[in-house]
Amino acid sequence: MDRIDLQRVFIRIASCRSFSQAAEQLGLPRATVSLALQQLEARLGARLIQRTTRQVGLTPDGQALLERAAALIADMEDIEQQFRPAAQAVAGRLRVDVPGRIARRLLAPALPELLDRHPELQIELGSSDRNIDLVHEGVDCALRVGALAASSLVARALGRIELINCASPAYLARHGTPRGPHELSAHVVVDYVSPSSGRSAPWEWVEDGQTRSVQPRSRVGVNNAEAYIACALAGLGLIQIPAFDVQQHLDAGELVALMPEARAAPMPVHFVYPHRKHLSRRLQAFMTWVEELLRPHLIP
């Protein structure tokens, strides 16, 4: 392997935290992956990976290399793409991470069209409700919903998602229909617990241009959108959720929209990616495609 290939193997080991998984994803024997790392460490004169019987971790030198190598590989691949015919300009592997519901309901069903448009493009789609470390996990970009924490990542705003309040008919038959936030003390909600902070999100609404919040009684807390919606369908409480996430349940009468005059402020949607002078063509193509896909569900 040349120096670039050795660094590609290292990046995969670092992102997987596993020699076996890295070998499987690269389509190489595990022994070849181990040998590539040994050769890279010998060339650099530094230990990059800390191995134990239970886990694989990065040394300080490995962490420093990972941040530089990921950018280097992206630049090298972008240079190679510039000399390919226009029809083959979008090529290579792209690692992205998006919220689970958006991945399942919007992106995955539409992916065949994107891959037909770019036959040499490969997508590794991660889906979760947690904010991953893009550099540490070797991810090219992530789609994030909600306020962004301070970071060195580049953020590209796409728009905002409107939120609605809803509950199941069974819940409303048992507890009554709240006419406004002043009646929330007589109701229960399903808590959404942040996968990152472990804190329950308060119930919010906008009143006279100001965001108000309370923490109603709850008997169930979840940390992902799928379980959040499932609990509402089961009659376990009120939820606040993007409308497109539950539109099929609203249309089927399985959920009922409530308190339209007391909704939470729309949530911003951003692409975030590590700072680079030039984005690869495959990343530009992917972000443009996702923006087109999301446009009907976003407001300015």
C-alpha atoms as a PDB file:
ATOM      1  CA  MET A   1       0.000   0.000   0.000  1.00  0.00           C
ATOM      2  CA  ASP A   2       1.119   3.577  -0.641  1.00  0.00           C
ATOM      3  CA  ARG A   3       1.063   6.253   2.059  1.00  0.00           C
ATOM      4  CA  ILE A   4      -2.445   7.447   1.158  1.00  0.00           C
ATOM      5  CA  ASP A   5      -3.863   3.904   1.336  1.00  0.00           C
ATOM      6  CA  LEU A   6      -2.195   3.364   4.716  1.00  0.00           C
ATOM      7  CA  GLN A   7      -3.890   6.468   6.049  1.00  0.00           C
ATOM      8  CA  ARG A   8      -7.248   5.369   4.609  1.00  0.00           C
ATOM      9  CA  VAL A   9      -6.922   2.124   6.579  1.00  0.00           C
ATOM     10  CA  PHE A  10      -5.978   4.037   9.724  1.00  0.00           C
ATOM     11  CA  ILE A  11      -9.010   6.337   9.386  1.00  0.00           C
ATOM     12  CA  ARG A  12     -11.302   3.323   9.064  1.00  0.00           C
ATOM     13  CA  ILE A  13      -9.805   1.625  12.130  1.00  0.00           C
ATOM     14  CA  ALA A  14     -10.166   4.856  14.100  1.00  0.00           C
ATOM     15  CA  SER A  15     -13.801   5.375  13.078  1.00  0.00           C
ATOM     16  CA  CYS A  16     -14.832   1.759  13.711  1.00  0.00           C
ATOM     17  CA  ARG A  17     -12.696   1.312  16.857  1.00  0.00           C
ATOM     18  CA  SER A  18     -12.335  -2.245  15.613  1.00  0.00           C
ATOM     19  CA  PHE A  19      -9.834  -4.014  13.338  1.00  0.00           C
ATOM     20  CA  SER A  20     -12.413  -6.615  12.333  1.00  0.00           C
ATOM     21  CA  GLN A  21     -15.080  -4.068  11.387  1.00  0.00           C
ATOM     22  CA  ALA A  22     -12.532  -1.949   9.530  1.00  0.00           C
ATOM     23  CA  ALA A  23     -11.390  -4.982   7.553  1.00  0.00           C
ATOM     24  CA  GLU A  24     -14.983  -5.921   6.720  1.00  0.00           C
ATOM     25  CA  GLN A  25     -15.864  -2.402   5.546  1.00  0.00           C
ATOM     26  CA  LEU A  26     -12.689  -2.129   3.476  1.00  0.00           C
ATOM     27  CA  GLY A  27     -13.081  -5.604   1.985  1.00  0.00           C
ATOM     28  CA  LEU A  28      -9.620  -6.636   3.226  1.00  0.00           C
ATOM     29  CA  PRO A  29      -8.322  -9.494   5.386  1.00  0.00           C
ATOM     30  CA  ARG A  30      -7.899  -8.501   9.029  1.00  0.00           C
ATOM     31  CA  ALA A  31      -4.212  -9.366   8.817  1.00  0.00           C
ATOM     32  CA  THR A  32      -3.766  -6.865   5.971  1.00  0.00           C
ATOM     33  CA  VAL A  33      -5.410  -4.134   8.052  1.00  0.00           C
ATOM     34  CA  SER A  34      -3.156  -4.887  11.030  1.00  0.00           C
ATOM     35  CA  LEU A  35      -0.071  -4.901   8.805  1.00  0.00           C
ATOM     36  CA  ALA A  36      -1.067  -1.570   7.235  1.00  0.00           C
ATOM     37  CA  LEU A  37      -1.293   0.036  10.659  1.00  0.00           C
ATOM     38  CA  GLN A  38       2.099  -1.385  11.659  1.00  0.00           C
ATOM     39  CA  GLN A  39       3.643   0.011   8.473  1.00  0.00           C
ATOM     40  CA  LEU A  40       2.104   3.455   9.057  1.00  0.00           C
ATOM     41  CA  GLU A  41       3.274   3.540  12.685  1.00  0.00           C
ATOM     42  CA  ALA A  42       6.771   2.481  11.590  1.00  0.00           C
ATOM     43  CA  ARG A  43       6.856   5.158   8.880  1.00  0.00           C
ATOM     44  CA  LEU A  44       5.752   7.893  11.300  1.00  0.00           C
ATOM     45  CA  GLY A  45       7.725   6.613  14.270  1.00  0.00           C
ATOM     46  CA  ALA A  46       4.707   6.968  16.533  1.00  0.00           C
ATOM     47  CA  ARG A  47       2.132   4.706  18.144  1.00  0.00           C
ATOM     48  CA  LEU A  48      -1.309   5.592  16.803  1.00  0.00           C
ATOM     49  CA  ILE A  49      -3.651   2.971  18.238  1.00  0.00           C
ATOM     50  CA  GLN A  50      -3.936   1.796  21.834  1.00  0.00           C
ATOM     51  CA  ARG A  51      -5.125  -1.809  21.826  1.00  0.00           C
ATOM     52  CA  THR A  52      -6.514  -3.766  24.767  1.00  0.00           C
ATOM     53  CA  THR A  53      -8.379  -7.059  24.962  1.00  0.00           C
ATOM     54  CA  ARG A  54     -11.694  -5.181  25.010  1.00  0.00           C
ATOM     55  CA  GLN A  55     -11.324  -2.051  22.908  1.00  0.00           C
ATOM     56  CA  VAL A  56      -9.351  -0.055  20.368  1.00  0.00           C
ATOM     57  CA  GLY A  57      -8.575   3.585  21.135  1.00  0.00           C
ATOM     58  CA  LEU A  58      -6.502   6.423  19.748  1.00  0.00           C
ATOM     59  CA  THR A  59      -3.285   7.667  21.317  1.00  0.00           C
ATOM     60  CA  PRO A  60      -2.729  11.459  21.375  1.00  0.00           C
ATOM     61  CA  ASP A  61      -0.594  11.065  18.228  1.00  0.00           C
ATOM     62  CA  GLY A  62      -3.376   9.002  16.634  1.00  0.00           C
ATOM     63  CA  GLN A  63      -5.979  11.667  17.411  1.00  0.00           C
ATOM     64  CA  ALA A  64      -3.755  14.373  15.906  1.00  0.00           C
ATOM     65  CA  LEU A  65      -3.187  12.302  12.771  1.00  0.00           C
ATOM     66  CA  LEU A  66      -6.871  11.484  12.386  1.00  0.00           C
ATOM     67  CA  GLU A  67      -7.848  15.144  12.150  1.00  0.00           C
ATOM     68  CA  ARG A  68      -5.152  15.883   9.544  1.00  0.00           C
ATOM     69  CA  ALA A  69      -5.503  12.639   7.584  1.00  0.00           C
ATOM     70  CA  ALA A  70      -9.273  12.913   7.119  1.00  0.00           C
ATOM     71  CA  ALA A  71      -8.865  16.348   5.526  1.00  0.00           C
ATOM     72  CA  LEU A  72      -5.919  15.121   3.423  1.00  0.00           C
ATOM     73  CA  ILE A  73      -7.826  12.129   2.036  1.00  0.00           C
ATOM     74  CA  ALA A  74     -10.830  14.332   1.209  1.00  0.00           C
ATOM     75  CA  ASP A  75      -8.576  16.779  -0.646  1.00  0.00           C
ATOM     76  CA  MET A  76      -6.824  13.995  -2.545  1.00  0.00           C
ATOM     77  CA  GLU A  77     -10.109  12.453  -3.646  1.00  0.00           C
ATOM     78  CA  ASP A  78     -11.417  15.855  -4.692  1.00  0.00           C
ATOM     79  CA  ILE A  79      -8.300  16.437  -6.817  1.00  0.00           C
ATOM     80  CA  GLU A  80      -8.785  13.063  -8.499  1.00  0.00           C
ATOM     81  CA  GLN A  81     -12.428  13.882  -9.243  1.00  0.00           C
ATOM     82  CA  GLN A  82     -11.486  17.099 -11.015  1.00  0.00           C
ATOM     83  CA  PHE A  83      -9.769  15.076 -13.745  1.00  0.00           C
ATOM     84  CA  ARG A  84     -12.586  12.614 -14.292  1.00  0.00           C
ATOM     85  CA  PRO A  85     -15.156  13.031 -17.087  1.00  0.00           C
ATOM     86  CA  ALA A  86     -18.109  15.200 -16.081  1.00  0.00           C
ATOM     87  CA  ALA A  87     -20.484  12.229 -16.075  1.00  0.00           C
ATOM     88  CA  GLN A  88     -18.276  10.501 -13.490  1.00  0.00           C
ATOM     89  CA  ALA A  89     -17.407  13.600 -11.427  1.00  0.00           C
ATOM     90  CA  VAL A  90     -19.451  12.551  -8.369  1.00  0.00           C
ATOM     91  CA  ALA A  91     -17.819   9.385  -7.070  1.00  0.00           C
ATOM     92  CA  GLY A  92     -16.422   7.740  -3.972  1.00  0.00           C
ATOM     93  CA  ARG A  93     -17.690   6.975  -0.476  1.00  0.00           C
ATOM     94  CA  LEU A  94     -19.547   9.532   1.610  1.00  0.00           C
ATOM     95  CA  ARG A  95     -20.211   9.039   5.328  1.00  0.00           C
ATOM     96  CA  VAL A  96     -23.176  11.045   6.615  1.00  0.00           C
ATOM     97  CA  ASP A  97     -25.291  11.112   9.768  1.00  0.00           C
ATOM     98  CA  VAL A  98     -28.919  12.270   9.982  1.00  0.00           C
ATOM     99  CA  PRO A  99     -31.737  12.018  12.566  1.00  0.00           C
ATOM    100  CA  GLY A 100     -33.377   8.599  12.537  1.00  0.00           C
ATOM    101  CA  ARG A 101     -36.862   9.683  11.428  1.00  0.00           C
ATOM    102  CA  ILE A 102     -35.536  11.808   8.559  1.00  0.00           C
ATOM    103  CA  ALA A 103     -33.349   8.910   7.435  1.00  0.00           C
ATOM    104  CA  ARG A 104     -36.200   6.408   7.471  1.00  0.00           C
ATOM    105  CA  ARG A 105     -39.067   8.553   6.200  1.00  0.00           C
ATOM    106  CA  LEU A 106     -37.353  10.855   3.699  1.00  0.00           C
ATOM    107  CA  LEU A 107     -33.797   9.955   2.752  1.00  0.00           C
ATOM    108  CA  ALA A 108     -33.800   6.154   2.508  1.00  0.00           C
ATOM    109  CA  PRO A 109     -36.883   5.953   0.230  1.00  0.00           C
ATOM    110  CA  ALA A 110     -35.369   8.564  -2.117  1.00  0.00           C
ATOM    111  CA  LEU A 111     -31.791   7.220  -2.167  1.00  0.00           C
ATOM    112  CA  PRO A 112     -32.280   5.080  -5.322  1.00  0.00           C
ATOM    113  CA  GLU A 113     -32.810   8.242  -7.356  1.00  0.00           C
ATOM    114  CA  LEU A 114     -29.579   9.809  -6.063  1.00  0.00           C
ATOM    115  CA  LEU A 115     -27.552   6.655  -6.671  1.00  0.00           C
ATOM    116  CA  ASP A 116     -29.015   6.243 -10.163  1.00  0.00           C
ATOM    117  CA  ARG A 117     -27.969   9.825 -10.895  1.00  0.00           C
ATOM    118  CA  HIS A 118     -24.423   9.150  -9.649  1.00  0.00           C
ATOM    119  CA  PRO A 119     -23.556   5.461 -10.262  1.00  0.00           C
ATOM    120  CA  GLU A 120     -20.071   5.734  -8.717  1.00  0.00           C
ATOM    121  CA  LEU A 121     -21.275   7.321  -5.472  1.00  0.00           C
ATOM    122  CA  GLN A 122     -21.427   5.238  -2.276  1.00  0.00           C
ATOM    123  CA  ILE A 123     -23.377   6.406   0.774  1.00  0.00           C
ATOM    124  CA  GLU A 124     -22.757   5.226   4.332  1.00  0.00           C
ATOM    125  CA  LEU A 125     -25.868   6.475   6.123  1.00  0.00           C
ATOM    126  CA  GLY A 126     -25.763   6.744   9.892  1.00  0.00           C
ATOM    127  CA  SER A 127     -29.004   7.559  11.685  1.00  0.00           C
ATOM    128  CA  SER A 128     -29.338   8.534  15.318  1.00  0.00           C
ATOM    129  CA  ASP A 129     -30.721  11.284  17.530  1.00  0.00           C
ATOM    130  CA  ARG A 130     -27.366  12.040  19.172  1.00  0.00           C
ATOM    131  CA  ASN A 131     -24.807  14.603  18.060  1.00  0.00           C
ATOM    132  CA  ILE A 132     -21.807  12.588  16.955  1.00  0.00           C
ATOM    133  CA  ASP A 133     -18.222  13.857  16.793  1.00  0.00           C
ATOM    134  CA  LEU A 134     -17.720  14.156  13.035  1.00  0.00           C
ATOM    135  CA  VAL A 135     -13.932  14.352  13.103  1.00  0.00           C
ATOM    136  CA  HIS A 136     -13.530  11.574  15.675  1.00  0.00           C
ATOM    137  CA  GLU A 137     -15.883   9.227  13.809  1.00  0.00           C
ATOM    138  CA  GLY A 138     -14.699  10.121  10.312  1.00  0.00           C
ATOM    139  CA  VAL A 139     -18.077  11.440   9.137  1.00  0.00           C
ATOM    140  CA  ASP A 140     -18.187  13.867   6.208  1.00  0.00           C
ATOM    141  CA  CYS A 141     -21.319  15.750   7.235  1.00  0.00           C
ATOM    142  CA  ALA A 142     -24.343  15.578   9.522  1.00  0.00           C
ATOM    143  CA  LEU A 143     -27.867  16.949   9.380  1.00  0.00           C
ATOM    144  CA  ARG A 144     -28.850  18.466  12.719  1.00  0.00           C
ATOM    145  CA  VAL A 145     -32.223  19.672  13.944  1.00  0.00           C
ATOM    146  CA  GLY A 146     -32.387  22.194  16.778  1.00  0.00           C
ATOM    147  CA  ALA A 147     -30.064  24.829  18.185  1.00  0.00           C
ATOM    148  CA  LEU A 148     -26.392  24.167  17.486  1.00  0.00           C
ATOM    149  CA  ALA A 149     -23.810  24.010  20.242  1.00  0.00           C
ATOM    150  CA  ALA A 150     -20.645  26.043  19.802  1.00  0.00           C
ATOM    151  CA  SER A 151     -18.056  24.096  17.785  1.00  0.00           C
ATOM    152  CA  SER A 152     -15.445  24.437  15.081  1.00  0.00           C
ATOM    153  CA  LEU A 153     -17.773  22.842  12.529  1.00  0.00           C
ATOM    154  CA  VAL A 154     -19.031  24.761   9.515  1.00  0.00           C
ATOM    155  CA  ALA A 155     -22.839  25.155   9.631  1.00  0.00           C
ATOM    156  CA  ARG A 156     -25.073  25.628   6.591  1.00  0.00           C
ATOM    157  CA  ALA A 157     -28.656  26.666   7.396  1.00  0.00           C
ATOM    158  CA  LEU A 158     -31.425  24.923   5.435  1.00  0.00           C
ATOM    159  CA  GLY A 159     -34.544  26.374   7.076  1.00  0.00           C
ATOM    160  CA  ARG A 160     -36.798  25.542  10.014  1.00  0.00           C
ATOM    161  CA  ILE A 161     -39.209  22.728  10.887  1.00  0.00           C
ATOM    162  CA  GLU A 162     -42.596  23.576  12.367  1.00  0.00           C
ATOM    163  CA  LEU A 163     -43.633  21.696  15.506  1.00  0.00           C
ATOM    164  CA  ILE A 164     -47.134  20.632  16.485  1.00  0.00           C
ATOM    165  CA  ASN A 165     -48.724  19.351  19.701  1.00  0.00           C
ATOM    166  CA  CYS A 166     -50.593  16.078  19.482  1.00  0.00           C
ATOM    167  CA  ALA A 167     -51.999  13.091  21.347  1.00  0.00           C
ATOM    168  CA  SER A 168     -53.899   9.924  20.561  1.00  0.00           C
ATOM    169  CA  PRO A 169     -57.728   9.769  20.550  1.00  0.00           C
ATOM    170  CA  ALA A 170     -57.503   7.196  23.361  1.00  0.00           C
ATOM    171  CA  TYR A 171     -55.535   9.598  25.556  1.00  0.00           C
ATOM    172  CA  LEU A 172     -57.967  12.460  24.858  1.00  0.00           C
ATOM    173  CA  ALA A 173     -60.983  10.249  25.607  1.00  0.00           C
ATOM    174  CA  ARG A 174     -59.488   9.371  28.973  1.00  0.00           C
ATOM    175  CA  HIS A 175     -58.003  12.728  30.033  1.00  0.00           C
ATOM    176  CA  GLY A 176     -59.873  15.330  27.999  1.00  0.00           C
ATOM    177  CA  THR A 177     -58.547  17.782  25.422  1.00  0.00           C
ATOM    178  CA  PRO A 178     -56.357  20.625  26.723  1.00  0.00           C
ATOM    179  CA  ARG A 179     -57.499  24.018  25.446  1.00  0.00           C
ATOM    180  CA  GLY A 180     -54.207  25.766  26.173  1.00  0.00           C
ATOM    181  CA  PRO A 181     -50.957  25.614  28.170  1.00  0.00           C
ATOM    182  CA  HIS A 182     -52.824  26.725  31.312  1.00  0.00           C
ATOM    183  CA  GLU A 183     -54.462  23.283  31.397  1.00  0.00           C
ATOM    184  CA  LEU A 184     -51.239  21.254  31.062  1.00  0.00           C
ATOM    185  CA  SER A 185     -51.067  20.718  34.838  1.00  0.00           C
ATOM    186  CA  ALA A 186     -54.019  18.354  34.457  1.00  0.00           C
ATOM    187  CA  HIS A 187     -52.276  16.293  31.769  1.00  0.00           C
ATOM    188  CA  VAL A 188     -49.231  14.075  31.304  1.00  0.00           C
ATOM    189  CA  VAL A 189     -46.626  14.286  28.557  1.00  0.00           C
ATOM    190  CA  VAL A 190     -44.110  11.878  27.088  1.00  0.00           C
ATOM    191  CA  ASP A 191     -40.683  13.235  28.013  1.00  0.00           C
ATOM    192  CA  TYR A 192     -38.062  13.477  25.297  1.00  0.00           C
ATOM    193  CA  VAL A 193     -34.702  12.883  26.979  1.00  0.00           C
ATOM    194  CA  SER A 194     -31.705  14.275  25.107  1.00  0.00           C
ATOM    195  CA  PRO A 195     -29.307  11.459  24.123  1.00  0.00           C
ATOM    196  CA  SER A 196     -26.429  13.906  24.604  1.00  0.00           C
ATOM    197  CA  SER A 197     -27.262  15.671  27.885  1.00  0.00           C
ATOM    198  CA  GLY A 198     -29.641  13.172  29.502  1.00  0.00           C
ATOM    199  CA  ARG A 199     -32.045  16.035  30.344  1.00  0.00           C
ATOM    200  CA  SER A 200     -35.758  16.084  29.562  1.00  0.00           C
ATOM    201  CA  ALA A 201     -36.854  18.784  27.155  1.00  0.00           C
ATOM    202  CA  PRO A 202     -39.460  21.167  28.646  1.00  0.00           C
ATOM    203  CA  TRP A 203     -42.863  21.727  27.053  1.00  0.00           C
ATOM    204  CA  GLU A 204     -42.592  25.004  25.126  1.00  0.00           C
ATOM    205  CA  TRP A 205     -44.860  27.453  23.338  1.00  0.00           C
ATOM    206  CA  VAL A 206     -44.579  30.971  21.937  1.00  0.00           C
ATOM    207  CA  GLU A 207     -46.776  33.626  23.549  1.00  0.00           C
ATOM    208  CA  ASP A 208     -46.617  37.341  22.670  1.00  0.00           C
ATOM    209  CA  GLY A 209     -43.374  36.729  20.829  1.00  0.00           C
ATOM    210  CA  GLN A 210     -41.726  35.101  23.864  1.00  0.00           C
ATOM    211  CA  THR A 211     -40.912  31.435  24.424  1.00  0.00           C
ATOM    212  CA  ARG A 212     -42.634  30.051  27.527  1.00  0.00           C
ATOM    213  CA  SER A 213     -42.015  26.658  29.067  1.00  0.00           C
ATOM    214  CA  VAL A 214     -43.264  24.318  31.773  1.00  0.00           C
ATOM    215  CA  GLN A 215     -42.335  20.819  32.863  1.00  0.00           C
ATOM    216  CA  PRO A 216     -45.643  18.885  33.004  1.00  0.00           C
ATOM    217  CA  ARG A 217     -46.011  15.581  34.791  1.00  0.00           C
ATOM    218  CA  SER A 218     -44.655  12.579  32.906  1.00  0.00           C
ATOM    219  CA  ARG A 219     -44.553   8.861  33.519  1.00  0.00           C
ATOM    220  CA  VAL A 220     -42.472   7.844  30.481  1.00  0.00           C
ATOM    221  CA  GLY A 221     -39.245   9.258  29.046  1.00  0.00           C
ATOM    222  CA  VAL A 222     -37.569   8.209  25.784  1.00  0.00           C
ATOM    223  CA  ASN A 223     -34.407   9.236  23.944  1.00  0.00           C
ATOM    224  CA  ASN A 224     -35.338   8.745  20.287  1.00  0.00           C
ATOM    225  CA  ALA A 225     -38.091   9.945  17.984  1.00  0.00           C
ATOM    226  CA  GLU A 226     -39.415   6.482  17.062  1.00  0.00           C
ATOM    227  CA  ALA A 227     -40.136   5.612  20.690  1.00  0.00           C
ATOM    228  CA  TYR A 228     -41.495   9.122  21.319  1.00  0.00           C
ATOM    229  CA  ILE A 229     -44.147   8.696  18.624  1.00  0.00           C
ATOM    230  CA  ALA A 230     -44.882   5.098  19.654  1.00  0.00           C
ATOM    231  CA  CYS A 231     -45.616   6.229  23.212  1.00  0.00           C
ATOM    232  CA  ALA A 232     -48.018   8.895  21.949  1.00  0.00           C
ATOM    233  CA  LEU A 233     -49.805   6.333  19.772  1.00  0.00           C
ATOM    234  CA  ALA A 234     -50.113   4.110  22.847  1.00  0.00           C
ATOM    235  CA  GLY A 235     -51.921   6.907  24.716  1.00  0.00           C
ATOM    236  CA  LEU A 236     -49.128   7.607  27.201  1.00  0.00           C
ATOM    237  CA  GLY A 237     -49.224  11.393  26.903  1.00  0.00           C
ATOM    238  CA  LEU A 238     -48.952  14.548  24.821  1.00  0.00           C
ATOM    239  CA  ILE A 239     -45.966  15.156  22.552  1.00  0.00           C
ATOM    240  CA  GLN A 240     -44.428  18.010  20.561  1.00  0.00           C
ATOM    241  CA  ILE A 241     -43.104  16.797  17.218  1.00  0.00           C
ATOM    242  CA  PRO A 242     -42.367  18.005  13.661  1.00  0.00           C
ATOM    243  CA  ALA A 243     -45.570  17.733  11.650  1.00  0.00           C
ATOM    244  CA  PHE A 244     -44.022  15.694   8.822  1.00  0.00           C
ATOM    245  CA  ASP A 245     -42.915  13.059  11.348  1.00  0.00           C
ATOM    246  CA  VAL A 246     -46.512  12.192  12.221  1.00  0.00           C
ATOM    247  CA  GLN A 247     -48.482  13.308   9.160  1.00  0.00           C
ATOM    248  CA  GLN A 248     -49.451   9.743   8.272  1.00  0.00           C
ATOM    249  CA  HIS A 249     -50.806   9.210  11.803  1.00  0.00           C
ATOM    250  CA  LEU A 250     -52.738  12.489  11.678  1.00  0.00           C
ATOM    251  CA  ASP A 251     -54.241  11.534   8.312  1.00  0.00           C
ATOM    252  CA  ALA A 252     -55.223   8.111   9.675  1.00  0.00           C
ATOM    253  CA  GLY A 253     -56.802   9.613  12.810  1.00  0.00           C
ATOM    254  CA  GLU A 254     -54.289   7.835  15.045  1.00  0.00           C
ATOM    255  CA  LEU A 255     -53.082  11.178  16.423  1.00  0.00           C
ATOM    256  CA  VAL A 256     -54.895  14.499  16.854  1.00  0.00           C
ATOM    257  CA  ALA A 257     -53.244  17.941  16.587  1.00  0.00           C
ATOM    258  CA  LEU A 258     -53.855  20.147  19.644  1.00  0.00           C
ATOM    259  CA  MET A 259     -53.508  23.759  20.784  1.00  0.00           C
ATOM    260  CA  PRO A 260     -52.539  25.238  17.380  1.00  0.00           C
ATOM    261  CA  GLU A 261     -52.223  28.707  18.930  1.00  0.00           C
ATOM    262  CA  ALA A 262     -49.642  27.507  21.472  1.00  0.00           C
ATOM    263  CA  ARG A 263     -46.912  25.781  19.500  1.00  0.00           C
ATOM    264  CA  ALA A 264     -43.191  25.730  20.175  1.00  0.00           C
ATOM    265  CA  ALA A 265     -40.904  27.864  18.024  1.00  0.00           C
ATOM    266  CA  PRO A 266     -39.832  26.160  14.779  1.00  0.00           C
ATOM    267  CA  MET A 267     -36.554  24.219  15.020  1.00  0.00           C
ATOM    268  CA  PRO A 268     -33.612  25.244  12.817  1.00  0.00           C
ATOM    269  CA  VAL A 269     -32.109  22.666  10.472  1.00  0.00           C
ATOM    270  CA  HIS A 270     -28.430  22.759   9.500  1.00  0.00           C
ATOM    271  CA  PHE A 271     -25.823  20.778   7.675  1.00  0.00           C
ATOM    272  CA  VAL A 272     -22.589  20.685   9.662  1.00  0.00           C
ATOM    273  CA  TYR A 273     -19.233  19.521   8.372  1.00  0.00           C
ATOM    274  CA  PRO A 274     -15.540  19.864   9.280  1.00  0.00           C
ATOM    275  CA  HIS A 275     -13.922  23.019   7.995  1.00  0.00           C
ATOM    276  CA  ARG A 276     -12.428  22.562   4.547  1.00  0.00           C
ATOM    277  CA  LYS A 277     -11.379  25.053   1.919  1.00  0.00           C
ATOM    278  CA  HIS A 278     -12.999  23.012  -0.851  1.00  0.00           C
ATOM    279  CA  LEU A 279     -15.918  20.636  -0.406  1.00  0.00           C
ATOM    280  CA  SER A 280     -15.743  17.424  -2.406  1.00  0.00           C
ATOM    281  CA  ARG A 281     -18.116  17.185  -5.337  1.00  0.00           C
ATOM    282  CA  ARG A 282     -19.862  14.204  -3.783  1.00  0.00           C
ATOM    283  CA  LEU A 283     -20.534  16.164  -0.582  1.00  0.00           C
ATOM    284  CA  GLN A 284     -21.824  19.148  -2.536  1.00  0.00           C
ATOM    285  CA  ALA A 285     -24.069  16.869  -4.608  1.00  0.00           C
ATOM    286  CA  PHE A 286     -25.427  15.119  -1.517  1.00  0.00           C
ATOM    287  CA  MET A 287     -26.185  18.332   0.375  1.00  0.00           C
ATOM    288  CA  THR A 288     -27.940  19.844  -2.665  1.00  0.00           C
ATOM    289  CA  TRP A 289     -30.036  16.695  -3.044  1.00  0.00           C
ATOM    290  CA  VAL A 290     -31.032  16.636   0.639  1.00  0.00           C
ATOM    291  CA  GLU A 291     -31.905  20.336   0.540  1.00  0.00           C
ATOM    292  CA  GLU A 292     -34.254  19.713  -2.390  1.00  0.00           C
ATOM    293  CA  LEU A 293     -35.766  16.740  -0.569  1.00  0.00           C
ATOM    294  CA  LEU A 294     -36.402  18.696   2.630  1.00  0.00           C
ATOM    295  CA  ARG A 295     -37.620  21.928   1.020  1.00  0.00           C
ATOM    296  CA  PRO A 296     -41.369  20.995   1.090  1.00  0.00           C
ATOM    297  CA  HIS A 297     -41.105  20.326   4.844  1.00  0.00           C
ATOM    298  CA  LEU A 298     -39.223  23.495   5.832  1.00  0.00           C
ATOM    299  CA  ILE A 299     -40.091  27.151   6.322  1.00  0.00           C
ATOM    300  CA  PRO A 300     -37.592  30.027   5.875  1.00  0.00           C
END
